[in-house]
Structures are given as C-alpha cells and as structure tokens.
Amino acid sequence: MSRPPLVLTVAGSDSGGGAGIQADLKTMLALGVHGMSVITAVTAQNSLGVRGAWELPEEAVRAQYRAVVDDIGVQAVKTGMLASAALVETVAELLADTDAPVVVDPVGVSKHGDPLLAASALDSVRTKLLPVATVATPNLDEVAQLTGVRVGSAADLREAAAAILSYGPRWALIKGGHLAGGEAVDLLTDGSEELWLRAPRHDNRHTHGTGCTLASAVASGLAKGLSVPEAVRAAKEYVTGAIAAGFALGAGIGPVDHAWRFRS
C-alpha cells in the first residue's frame, strides 16, 4: 500500500477537541494525509473559554520535532499556538533547517478572546517565524496585533497582506471572516499574484477551530504537491463546509465539523 503524505503540526492541545492539535489531526485525517504532532502547550479549555495554559519546555518541543523529522520525515509543517518568545524562536530555528513548506498560523488569542501568545513574543513572530513561512494565515485581529493595520472592509485586505509580507513569508492569506457582510472574503497574495476567495457566510455560531482547520488544510494540500493557490482554494472549500456543519457542544461555542464530508 502506498504511504499517505506526511504533515506535522506544531501547536497547543485543546482539551475540548475543537481547535489546536486535535483540530489539526482531524483535518489531516479527513483530507487523506498522515498527521503527526509536536505539542507546545497544554490548555484546559471547553466551549466557554480557556481556563488555563501551560507551555512545554523548549527541550521537550525540540525533542518531539527531531524525533519525528529525523526518522519519519515530513512533507509539510503547520504551526499554531507557540505561547512564548522562547518557543517561537525554538520552532523557527527547527523550521529553517527543514526542507518542507511551512504554514504559519500566528495564533494570538482564542475564539473566546483568551490570550494564547505572550505580548513579549510578538517581535519573535515578526522577525523569526514569519520569515520561514511559505504561507502565513493571520486573521484580522492577528494582523492588527502584528502590524498595527486595522481592517474595516475587504478593500483593506491588500494593505494587511502587504504589511504581513514585509516580514518575509512567501505568501500571505488574510482571513476576512470577521468582516461584516453576506460573504466570507479572504485574500491570498505573494505581492504580485492575487487570489480572492469568497464563500457564503453561514449563520452558525459554532466556529471553534476555524483558523487551525484552515491552516492544517492548506498544509495538507501542500504535502500532496498542490501549488499554494491550489492548496488554499481547496482548504477554503473544506473549511466552509466544516463551518456550515458546525455543531453545539457544551454551553458555549461549538466546533466546526471536521468530518462533514463523511456525513454528507
């Protein structure tokens, strides 16, 4: 039997199963790749928010990464919650030495507004992590946090992309899902080529894990050999279906449905 493509997620654990490592691995399974993980932090969270977070030591993160990459290998890497400047710099160093495309989701806050990245780590994200990214996938809050650019409409997405690209990623995927309107509009660009992605906005509050899911879907496409625009287009289609099928869980915001294609 042929081996599926190999994708590694470097991110935090979500005990509620909707985001983080758990969402990443579910996405990878749904998209037909073999998911592997480096856990950077453990969170205690549920549908109502994050109750606590504990980052792992640098040596534990480095050991997990080297154990996977040195023996098994990898065809794409996705990063999520990195928590601190020390972990951002450790992961950036590891990525720079890995011959595979990298999707960076610069996670700053949770769906509920809980901080997942120390303020002191922002400069390390800008100067160490973004320069090694094949694709960076910030949402509008993360764009503002990293660049100071505040997006009020789809017309501002170009300015946001330019600001992110100035830090060195090859492509920027600016997620406009938080904008008002009947469509969810994203912009993918490398500074010359542009791909505008539009999808109907679904009236569903259960969207926990959307960003993790999208970034993992992009990494899965890249591992399969798709170009960046092809991988992003396929990921947008997948996450739109997952949002439409999102379900209630607990008393707060439920997750997107990573298995929506299997239930259709």
Protein backbone atom coordinates (compact mmCIF):
# COMPACT_ATOMS: atom_id res chain seq x y z
CA MET A 1 0.00 0.00 0.00
CA SER A 2 1.24 3.49 -0.77
CA ARG A 3 2.02 5.78 2.14
CA PRO A 4 -0.07 8.95 2.52
CA PRO A 5 1.65 12.36 2.52
CA LEU A 6 3.17 13.34 5.87
CA VAL A 7 2.16 16.54 7.69
CA LEU A 8 3.42 17.76 11.08
CA THR A 9 1.52 20.16 13.31
CA VAL A 10 3.39 22.17 15.95
CA ALA A 11 0.73 23.59 18.22
CA GLY A 12 -1.08 23.53 21.55
CA SER A 13 -3.51 20.92 22.82
CA ASP A 14 -7.21 21.81 23.16
CA SER A 15 -8.81 19.59 25.79
CA GLY A 16 -12.25 20.32 24.31
CA GLY A 17 -11.18 18.85 20.97
CA GLY A 18 -12.31 21.74 18.77
CA ALA A 19 -9.06 23.53 17.97
CA GLY A 20 -5.30 23.13 18.30
CA ILE A 21 -3.59 19.78 17.84
CA GLN A 22 -6.92 17.95 17.94
CA ALA A 23 -8.44 20.02 15.13
CA ASP A 24 -5.25 19.75 13.11
CA LEU A 25 -5.12 15.96 13.26
CA LYS A 26 -8.84 15.61 12.47
CA THR A 27 -8.40 17.86 9.43
CA MET A 28 -5.40 15.90 8.21
CA LEU A 29 -7.23 12.60 8.55
CA ALA A 30 -10.26 13.97 6.70
CA LEU A 31 -8.02 15.17 3.86
CA GLY A 32 -6.12 11.93 3.45
CA VAL A 33 -2.71 12.75 4.91
CA HIS A 34 -0.85 11.27 7.87
CA GLY A 35 -0.82 13.78 10.71
CA MET A 36 1.97 13.95 13.30
CA SER A 37 2.31 16.33 16.23
CA VAL A 38 4.64 18.41 18.35
CA ILE A 39 2.75 19.70 21.38
CA THR A 40 3.94 23.14 22.51
CA ALA A 41 1.44 23.79 25.29
CA VAL A 42 -1.43 22.15 27.12
CA THR A 43 -4.62 24.12 27.61
CA ALA A 44 -7.60 23.42 29.85
CA GLN A 45 -10.49 24.69 27.76
CA ASN A 46 -14.05 23.96 26.79
CA SER A 47 -16.85 25.62 24.83
CA LEU A 48 -16.83 28.58 27.22
CA GLY A 49 -13.16 29.51 27.13
CA VAL A 50 -9.62 28.75 28.25
CA ARG A 51 -9.29 28.02 31.98
CA GLY A 52 -5.53 27.60 31.96
CA ALA A 53 -2.49 27.09 29.72
CA TRP A 54 0.92 25.58 30.41
CA GLU A 55 3.72 25.74 27.86
CA LEU A 56 6.16 22.86 27.49
CA PRO A 57 9.92 23.32 27.96
CA GLU A 58 11.96 24.16 24.86
CA GLU A 59 13.82 20.85 25.11
CA ALA A 60 10.54 18.90 25.05
CA VAL A 61 9.39 20.72 21.90
CA ARG A 62 12.76 20.26 20.22
CA ALA A 63 12.87 16.56 21.13
CA GLN A 64 9.39 15.89 19.73
CA TYR A 65 10.23 17.69 16.49
CA ARG A 66 13.55 15.96 15.95
CA ALA A 67 12.07 12.54 16.80
CA VAL A 68 9.50 12.90 14.02
CA VAL A 69 11.51 14.68 11.34
CA ASP A 70 14.77 12.73 11.70
CA ASP A 71 13.11 9.32 11.48
CA ILE A 72 9.81 9.67 9.63
CA GLY A 73 10.32 12.83 7.61
CA VAL A 74 7.72 15.42 6.68
CA GLN A 75 6.25 16.95 3.53
CA ALA A 76 4.62 20.00 5.15
CA VAL A 77 4.58 21.64 8.58
CA LYS A 78 1.83 23.73 10.19
CA THR A 79 2.38 25.88 13.29
CA GLY A 80 -0.25 27.14 15.69
CA MET A 81 -0.08 28.17 19.35
CA LEU A 82 3.55 28.74 20.35
CA ALA A 83 2.87 30.63 23.60
CA SER A 84 6.21 32.36 24.28
CA ALA A 85 9.17 34.06 22.61
CA ALA A 86 11.42 31.16 23.59
CA LEU A 87 9.17 28.61 21.89
CA VAL A 88 8.65 30.82 18.82
CA GLU A 89 12.41 31.09 18.37
CA THR A 90 12.98 27.39 19.02
CA VAL A 91 10.38 26.38 16.44
CA ALA A 92 11.61 28.94 13.90
CA GLU A 93 15.12 27.52 14.19
CA LEU A 94 13.83 23.98 13.63
CA LEU A 95 11.74 25.04 10.63
CA ALA A 96 14.66 26.85 9.00
CA ASP A 97 16.52 23.53 8.97
CA THR A 98 13.61 21.56 7.46
CA ASP A 99 13.14 21.14 3.71
CA ALA A 100 9.34 21.32 3.56
CA PRO A 101 6.71 24.04 3.06
CA VAL A 102 5.59 25.74 6.26
CA VAL A 103 2.13 27.15 7.04
CA VAL A 104 2.25 29.60 9.95
CA ASP A 105 -1.00 30.36 11.77
CA PRO A 106 0.20 33.15 14.10
CA VAL A 107 -2.24 32.32 16.89
CA GLY A 108 -2.61 35.22 19.31
CA VAL A 109 -5.97 34.76 21.04
CA SER A 110 -8.58 32.02 21.31
CA LYS A 111 -12.06 32.14 19.79
CA HIS A 112 -13.25 33.42 23.20
CA GLY A 113 -10.64 36.18 23.39
CA ASP A 114 -8.25 34.41 25.75
CA PRO A 115 -4.54 35.22 25.11
CA LEU A 116 -2.51 32.32 23.70
CA LEU A 117 0.69 34.22 22.87
CA ALA A 118 2.71 36.38 25.25
CA ALA A 119 2.97 40.02 24.16
CA SER A 120 6.74 39.69 24.52
CA ALA A 121 6.69 37.06 21.74
CA LEU A 122 5.28 39.30 19.00
CA ASP A 123 8.67 40.55 17.86
CA SER A 124 9.94 36.98 17.61
CA VAL A 125 6.95 36.07 15.44
CA ARG A 126 7.72 39.03 13.16
CA THR A 127 11.48 38.54 12.89
CA LYS A 128 11.99 34.79 13.34
CA LEU A 129 8.82 32.86 12.47
CA LEU A 130 7.20 34.74 9.58
CA PRO A 131 10.44 34.79 7.54
CA VAL A 132 10.46 30.97 7.36
CA ALA A 133 6.77 30.70 6.37
CA THR A 134 5.66 29.54 2.94
CA VAL A 135 2.17 30.80 3.82
CA ALA A 136 1.11 32.94 6.79
CA THR A 137 -2.59 32.78 7.68
CA PRO A 138 -3.46 35.59 10.15
CA ASN A 139 -6.99 36.66 10.95
CA LEU A 140 -7.78 40.36 11.26
CA ASP A 141 -7.05 40.54 15.00
CA GLU A 142 -3.66 38.91 14.42
CA VAL A 143 -2.91 41.32 11.55
CA ALA A 144 -3.59 44.24 13.89
CA GLN A 145 -1.55 42.65 16.68
CA LEU A 146 1.47 42.05 14.42
CA THR A 147 1.39 45.06 12.10
CA GLY A 148 -0.93 47.72 13.54
CA VAL A 149 -3.05 47.62 10.37
CA ARG A 150 -6.76 47.57 11.18
CA VAL A 151 -9.04 46.16 8.50
CA GLY A 152 -12.54 47.58 8.29
CA SER A 153 -13.58 46.28 4.87
CA ALA A 154 -12.45 43.92 2.13
CA ALA A 155 -10.74 46.88 0.45
CA ASP A 156 -8.25 46.97 3.34
CA LEU A 157 -7.10 43.38 2.87
CA ARG A 158 -4.40 44.37 0.38
CA GLU A 159 -2.82 46.74 2.92
CA ALA A 160 -2.95 43.99 5.55
CA ALA A 161 -1.32 41.49 3.19
CA ALA A 162 1.45 43.92 2.28
CA ALA A 163 2.18 44.52 5.96
CA ILE A 164 2.42 40.79 6.68
CA LEU A 165 4.54 40.14 3.56
CA SER A 166 7.01 42.79 4.70
CA TYR A 167 8.10 40.35 7.42
CA GLY A 168 9.18 37.73 4.90
CA PRO A 169 6.63 34.96 4.27
CA ARG A 170 6.35 33.95 0.62
CA TRP A 171 2.54 34.20 0.67
CA ALA A 172 0.02 35.88 2.96
CA LEU A 173 -3.52 34.57 3.36
CA ILE A 174 -5.51 37.29 5.13
CA LYS A 175 -8.71 35.85 6.55
CA GLY A 176 -11.61 38.28 6.38
CA GLY A 177 -14.16 36.10 8.10
CA HIS A 178 -14.69 38.68 10.86
CA LEU A 179 -15.80 41.36 8.40
CA ALA A 180 -19.48 42.24 8.15
CA GLY A 181 -21.46 41.18 5.11
CA GLY A 182 -23.02 38.20 3.45
CA GLU A 183 -19.74 36.70 2.26
CA ALA A 184 -16.58 35.48 3.98
CA VAL A 185 -13.80 37.08 1.92
CA ASP A 186 -10.12 36.09 2.12
CA LEU A 187 -7.13 37.36 0.15
CA LEU A 188 -4.13 35.24 -0.82
CA THR A 189 -1.18 37.06 -2.35
CA ASP A 190 2.57 36.90 -2.78
CA GLY A 191 2.73 40.60 -3.55
CA SER A 192 2.15 40.19 -7.28
CA GLU A 193 -0.34 37.35 -7.81
CA GLU A 194 -3.70 37.66 -6.05
CA LEU A 195 -6.41 35.12 -5.33
CA TRP A 196 -9.66 36.40 -3.81
CA LEU A 197 -11.68 33.68 -2.11
CA ARG A 198 -15.36 34.22 -1.41
CA ALA A 199 -17.87 31.92 0.24
CA PRO A 200 -21.38 32.40 1.64
CA ARG A 201 -21.41 33.38 5.31
CA HIS A 202 -23.24 30.66 7.24
CA ASP A 203 -25.49 31.66 10.13
CA ASN A 204 -23.82 29.33 12.60
CA ARG A 205 -22.11 30.45 15.82
CA HIS A 206 -20.31 27.13 16.26
CA THR A 207 -17.00 28.02 14.61
CA HIS A 208 -14.40 27.00 17.20
CA GLY A 209 -11.22 25.80 15.46
CA THR A 210 -11.76 27.57 12.14
CA GLY A 211 -8.26 29.04 11.89
CA CYS A 212 -6.47 25.84 12.93
CA THR A 213 -8.56 23.86 10.48
CA LEU A 214 -7.88 26.18 7.55
CA ALA A 215 -4.11 26.25 8.13
CA SER A 216 -3.97 22.46 8.51
CA ALA A 217 -5.98 22.03 5.32
CA VAL A 218 -3.53 24.28 3.44
CA ALA A 219 -0.58 22.26 4.79
CA SER A 220 -2.31 19.03 3.75
CA GLY A 221 -2.72 20.34 0.21
CA LEU A 222 0.92 21.40 0.02
CA ALA A 223 2.02 17.96 1.22
CA LYS A 224 0.04 16.45 -1.65
CA GLY A 225 2.03 18.55 -4.10
CA LEU A 226 -0.54 21.28 -4.80
CA SER A 227 0.63 24.80 -5.51
CA VAL A 228 -0.08 27.41 -2.83
CA PRO A 229 -3.11 28.86 -4.66
CA GLU A 230 -4.49 25.35 -5.32
CA ALA A 231 -3.96 24.31 -1.69
CA VAL A 232 -5.62 27.46 -0.36
CA ARG A 233 -8.60 27.16 -2.70
CA ALA A 234 -9.17 23.53 -1.63
CA ALA A 235 -8.74 24.46 2.04
CA LYS A 236 -11.29 27.27 1.76
CA GLU A 237 -13.83 24.83 0.30
CA TYR A 238 -13.19 22.32 3.08
CA VAL A 239 -13.41 24.81 5.95
CA THR A 240 -16.55 26.43 4.51
CA GLY A 241 -18.28 23.04 4.64
CA ALA A 242 -16.95 22.42 8.15
CA ILE A 243 -18.34 25.76 9.35
CA ALA A 244 -21.73 25.08 7.78
CA ALA A 245 -21.86 21.77 9.68
CA GLY A 246 -20.55 23.13 12.99
CA PHE A 247 -22.45 21.75 15.96
CA ALA A 248 -23.35 22.70 19.53
CA LEU A 249 -21.06 21.33 22.24
CA GLY A 250 -21.34 22.32 25.88
CA ALA A 251 -22.88 25.64 26.88
CA GLY A 252 -20.80 27.91 24.63
CA ILE A 253 -19.31 27.93 21.13
CA GLY A 254 -19.16 24.52 19.50
CA PRO A 255 -16.60 23.33 16.93
CA VAL A 256 -16.65 23.11 13.17
CA ASP A 257 -17.35 19.60 11.91
CA HIS A 258 -14.13 18.14 10.54
CA ALA A 259 -15.96 15.05 9.33
CA TRP A 260 -18.66 16.89 7.39
CA ARG A 261 -17.81 15.23 4.10
CA PHE A 262 -18.29 11.80 5.63
CA ARG A 263 -21.71 12.78 6.99
CA SER A 264 -23.00 14.34 3.77
